[in-house]
Amino acid sequence: MVQLSDESMKHKFARLILLSFICVVAGAQTSLPLVAKPKSVTGQYRLRKDEFRNSLDVRQLRGGKIKFALIALWVSPNNPQNIHNGELHGVARLENGVAMYESGNCKVRMSFASNRVIIKTDDVIDDCGFGANVAASGTYRKINSKSPRFDF
């Protein structure tokens, strides 16, 4: 039988305690919600990255719905005057911070957090009638909480 020194036993015991602590903390963190649901999603959101200059205006309505207007722009990196655009507007049901919009083959998911919205569209190109190279998917930052006006 191998004899371990008191110092070696202390190190093994300390590692065991540390490993147990990490497991408890990791388990507790996975049970927490990943995104805090905002009180109100009303406001203006922007996506700015490389060729994309997108905006989303949202007004939260009674009855668990939102009214929104999305403008998606693609600007050519070689010619800034070459701009393609796409627009989408409508009303969608909002549940637990997530709004799903569907019209024909166009499917858009908007996941709201306190200061941003993550937009995902189906992978099929042009289902929402956007121009060439135009994409709506991405993380949009909330720039203000003003209630936008819509003409639809």
Protein backbone atom coordinates (compact mmCIF):
# COMPACT_ATOMS: atom_id res chain seq x y z
CA MET A 1 0.00 0.00 0.00
CA VAL A 2 1.27 3.47 -0.90
CA GLN A 3 1.54 5.97 1.89
CA LEU A 4 0.64 9.58 1.09
CA SER A 5 2.08 12.48 3.02
CA ASP A 6 -0.20 14.86 4.85
CA GLU A 7 0.75 17.57 2.33
CA SER A 8 -0.26 15.35 -0.63
CA MET A 9 -3.60 14.53 1.02
CA LYS A 10 -4.26 18.20 1.65
CA HIS A 11 -3.68 19.00 -2.05
CA LYS A 12 -5.97 16.19 -3.19
CA PHE A 13 -8.66 17.26 -0.76
CA ALA A 14 -8.36 20.92 -1.87
CA ARG A 15 -8.69 19.87 -5.54
CA LEU A 16 -11.75 17.76 -4.71
CA ILE A 17 -13.39 20.71 -2.90
CA LEU A 18 -12.55 23.06 -5.79
CA LEU A 19 -13.93 20.64 -8.37
CA SER A 20 -17.14 20.21 -6.35
CA PHE A 21 -17.53 23.98 -6.08
CA ILE A 22 -17.08 24.42 -9.85
CA CYS A 23 -19.71 21.76 -10.56
CA VAL A 24 -22.21 23.39 -8.19
CA VAL A 25 -21.65 26.86 -9.71
CA ALA A 26 -21.84 25.56 -13.29
CA GLY A 27 -25.07 23.69 -12.51
CA ALA A 28 -26.61 26.76 -10.91
CA GLN A 29 -25.69 28.93 -13.88
CA THR A 30 -27.27 26.62 -16.44
CA SER A 31 -30.61 26.85 -14.66
CA LEU A 32 -30.70 30.65 -14.94
CA PRO A 33 -32.41 32.28 -17.94
CA LEU A 34 -29.95 33.19 -20.68
CA VAL A 35 -31.57 36.53 -21.53
CA ALA A 36 -33.50 38.87 -19.25
CA LYS A 37 -36.93 39.66 -20.68
CA PRO A 38 -37.36 43.44 -21.06
CA LYS A 39 -40.35 45.30 -19.60
CA SER A 40 -40.95 47.09 -22.90
CA VAL A 41 -39.49 46.42 -26.33
CA THR A 42 -40.69 49.75 -27.75
CA GLY A 43 -37.89 51.71 -29.35
CA GLN A 44 -35.42 52.00 -32.18
CA TYR A 45 -32.70 49.43 -32.84
CA ARG A 46 -29.70 49.55 -35.18
CA LEU A 47 -27.34 47.01 -36.76
CA ARG A 48 -24.09 48.37 -38.15
CA LYS A 49 -21.44 46.05 -39.42
CA ASP A 50 -19.37 46.30 -42.56
CA GLU A 51 -21.79 46.40 -45.50
CA PHE A 52 -25.03 46.23 -43.48
CA ARG A 53 -26.88 49.31 -42.18
CA ASN A 54 -30.14 48.01 -40.76
CA SER A 55 -32.77 49.55 -38.53
CA LEU A 56 -35.76 48.19 -36.64
CA ASP A 57 -38.51 50.34 -35.14
CA VAL A 58 -40.83 48.62 -32.66
CA ARG A 59 -43.94 49.62 -30.74
CA GLN A 60 -45.24 47.22 -28.14
CA LEU A 61 -49.03 46.88 -28.34
CA ARG A 62 -51.61 45.67 -25.87
CA GLY A 63 -52.58 42.04 -26.03
CA GLY A 64 -49.03 40.68 -26.37
CA LYS A 65 -48.20 42.04 -29.82
CA ILE A 66 -45.70 44.34 -31.47
CA LYS A 67 -45.87 46.53 -34.53
CA PHE A 68 -42.55 46.79 -36.36
CA ALA A 69 -40.79 48.23 -39.39
CA LEU A 70 -37.48 46.74 -40.53
CA ILE A 71 -35.21 48.37 -43.08
CA ALA A 72 -32.21 46.34 -44.22
CA LEU A 73 -29.51 47.86 -46.41
CA TRP A 74 -26.50 46.36 -48.12
CA VAL A 75 -23.82 48.82 -49.22
CA SER A 76 -21.21 47.59 -51.69
CA PRO A 77 -17.70 47.71 -50.20
CA ASN A 78 -16.36 48.63 -53.67
CA ASN A 79 -18.89 51.31 -54.53
CA PRO A 80 -20.72 53.04 -51.64
CA GLN A 81 -23.30 54.36 -54.11
CA ASN A 82 -24.36 50.78 -54.92
CA ILE A 83 -27.02 50.13 -52.25
CA HIS A 84 -29.54 47.29 -52.14
CA ASN A 85 -32.44 47.44 -49.72
CA GLY A 86 -35.19 45.40 -48.17
CA GLU A 87 -38.18 46.44 -46.11
CA LEU A 88 -40.51 44.47 -43.92
CA HIS A 89 -43.27 45.66 -41.64
CA GLY A 90 -46.14 44.11 -39.80
CA VAL A 91 -47.62 42.96 -36.52
CA ALA A 92 -46.33 39.94 -34.61
CA ARG A 93 -47.23 38.13 -31.39
CA LEU A 94 -44.76 38.72 -28.53
CA GLU A 95 -44.36 35.94 -25.97
CA ASN A 96 -41.61 35.77 -23.33
CA GLY A 97 -39.54 38.38 -25.16
CA VAL A 98 -39.74 36.59 -28.53
CA ALA A 99 -41.74 37.79 -31.54
CA MET A 100 -42.36 35.54 -34.53
CA TYR A 101 -43.44 37.07 -37.84
CA GLU A 102 -44.59 34.89 -40.72
CA SER A 103 -46.00 35.86 -44.08
CA GLY A 104 -45.91 33.32 -46.89
CA ASN A 105 -42.38 31.88 -46.90
CA CYS A 106 -40.98 34.83 -44.94
CA LYS A 107 -40.19 33.86 -41.34
CA VAL A 108 -38.49 36.25 -38.90
CA ARG A 109 -37.72 35.63 -35.23
CA MET A 110 -36.98 38.61 -32.98
CA SER A 111 -35.56 37.78 -29.52
CA PHE A 112 -35.61 40.87 -27.31
CA ALA A 113 -33.34 41.60 -24.34
CA SER A 114 -33.02 44.77 -22.27
CA ASN A 115 -30.82 46.68 -24.73
CA ARG A 116 -30.83 44.60 -27.92
CA VAL A 117 -32.76 42.31 -30.23
CA ILE A 118 -31.41 39.32 -32.09
CA ILE A 119 -33.08 38.83 -35.45
CA LYS A 120 -32.95 35.52 -37.29
CA THR A 121 -34.54 34.81 -40.64
CA ASP A 122 -34.98 31.50 -42.40
CA ASP A 123 -31.97 30.43 -44.41
CA VAL A 124 -33.88 30.47 -47.70
CA ILE A 125 -32.75 33.53 -49.64
CA ASP A 126 -35.26 36.18 -50.73
CA ASP A 127 -38.24 34.73 -48.85
CA CYS A 128 -38.96 38.19 -47.45
CA GLY A 129 -38.49 40.00 -50.76
CA PHE A 130 -35.19 41.69 -49.86
CA GLY A 131 -32.77 42.87 -52.54
CA ALA A 132 -29.61 41.07 -53.59
CA ASN A 133 -27.11 40.58 -50.73
CA VAL A 134 -29.53 42.11 -48.21
CA ALA A 135 -29.78 40.30 -44.86
CA ALA A 136 -31.79 41.10 -41.75
CA SER A 137 -30.21 38.61 -39.34
CA GLY A 138 -27.95 39.93 -36.60
CA THR A 139 -27.81 41.59 -33.20
CA TYR A 140 -29.34 45.07 -33.15
CA ARG A 141 -28.52 47.52 -30.34
CA LYS A 142 -31.33 49.57 -28.82
CA ILE A 143 -30.54 53.23 -29.37
CA ASN A 144 -33.60 54.71 -27.66
CA SER A 145 -36.99 53.84 -26.19
CA LYS A 146 -39.06 56.35 -28.17
CA SER A 147 -42.34 55.07 -29.57
CA PRO A 148 -42.05 55.20 -33.38
CA ARG A 149 -44.84 56.38 -35.67
CA PHE A 150 -46.00 54.08 -38.41
CA ASP A 151 -48.05 54.81 -41.51
CA PHE A 152 -49.38 51.27 -41.90
